[in-house]
Amino acid sequence: MPDLHNSLPPEYYEILRAKGGRITPVVSTILLHLHKNRKIYSPLQLKDAVNQTLVNDIGLPTIYRALDRLMQA
């Protein structure tokens, strides 16, 4: 798994932590993908990106939970 924490600005993590958010590999991967590409993605597109990066079978409910956490931050 890539070192996602060193790929993003530390402010992202500070904001999440300040709001009580957990920084999971899925959340980090979504943030990294959005930060690097600066485009709008569907949850299905994010699911594909997360699964390619983490080499896991992450389901859509997990993606929606991660997006919900990010929206609350």
Protein backbone atom coordinates (compact mmCIF):
# COMPACT_ATOMS: atom_id res chain seq x y z
CA MET A 1 0.00 0.00 0.00
CA PRO A 2 1.38 3.44 -0.89
CA ASP A 3 2.25 5.94 1.82
CA LEU A 4 -0.83 8.14 1.48
CA HIS A 5 -0.17 10.31 4.53
CA ASN A 6 2.90 11.90 2.94
CA SER A 7 1.12 12.58 -0.35
CA LEU A 8 -1.45 15.06 0.94
CA PRO A 9 -1.21 18.44 2.62
CA PRO A 10 -1.21 18.00 6.41
CA GLU A 11 -4.12 20.46 6.68
CA TYR A 12 -6.44 17.80 5.28
CA TYR A 13 -5.66 15.49 8.16
CA GLU A 14 -5.76 18.28 10.74
CA ILE A 15 -9.27 19.25 9.64
CA LEU A 16 -10.48 15.65 9.79
CA ARG A 17 -8.95 15.05 13.20
CA ALA A 18 -10.36 18.31 14.56
CA LYS A 19 -13.85 17.16 13.55
CA GLY A 20 -13.31 13.75 15.14
CA GLY A 21 -12.93 11.97 11.82
CA ARG A 22 -11.00 8.77 11.41
CA ILE A 23 -8.32 8.72 8.76
CA THR A 24 -8.66 5.30 7.20
CA PRO A 25 -6.85 4.03 4.11
CA VAL A 26 -10.10 4.44 2.16
CA VAL A 27 -10.53 8.06 3.26
CA SER A 28 -6.88 8.82 2.50
CA THR A 29 -7.13 7.25 -0.95
CA ILE A 30 -10.28 9.20 -1.81
CA LEU A 31 -8.69 12.45 -0.63
CA LEU A 32 -5.53 11.74 -2.61
CA HIS A 33 -7.49 10.93 -5.77
CA LEU A 34 -9.59 14.08 -5.50
CA HIS A 35 -6.61 16.26 -4.62
CA LYS A 36 -4.43 15.03 -7.48
CA ASN A 37 -7.05 15.09 -10.22
CA ARG A 38 -9.24 18.02 -9.11
CA LYS A 39 -12.31 16.63 -10.87
CA ILE A 40 -15.76 15.48 -9.86
CA TYR A 41 -16.13 11.71 -9.60
CA SER A 42 -19.08 9.43 -9.06
CA PRO A 43 -18.96 7.07 -6.07
CA LEU A 44 -18.47 4.19 -8.52
CA GLN A 45 -15.44 5.90 -10.07
CA LEU A 46 -14.00 6.51 -6.61
CA LYS A 47 -14.64 2.86 -5.70
CA ASP A 48 -12.63 1.76 -8.74
CA ALA A 49 -9.79 4.15 -7.85
CA VAL A 50 -9.72 2.96 -4.23
CA ASN A 51 -9.72 -0.70 -5.27
CA GLN A 52 -6.86 -0.11 -7.72
CA THR A 53 -4.81 1.70 -5.11
CA LEU A 54 -5.47 -0.52 -2.10
CA VAL A 55 -5.85 -3.81 -4.00
CA ASN A 56 -8.94 -4.65 -1.97
CA ASP A 57 -12.56 -5.27 -2.76
CA ILE A 58 -14.05 -2.17 -1.19
CA GLY A 59 -17.81 -1.92 -1.67
CA LEU A 60 -19.93 1.08 -2.49
CA PRO A 61 -21.36 1.34 1.04
CA THR A 62 -17.82 1.89 2.34
CA ILE A 63 -17.24 4.60 -0.26
CA TYR A 64 -20.49 6.33 0.69
CA ARG A 65 -19.57 6.20 4.41
CA ALA A 66 -16.16 7.70 3.66
CA LEU A 67 -17.71 10.44 1.52
CA ASP A 68 -20.21 11.18 4.29
CA ARG A 69 -17.35 11.55 6.79
CA LEU A 70 -15.53 13.89 4.43
CA MET A 71 -18.63 16.00 3.89
CA GLN A 72 -19.04 16.42 7.65
CA ALA A 73 -15.45 17.67 8.04
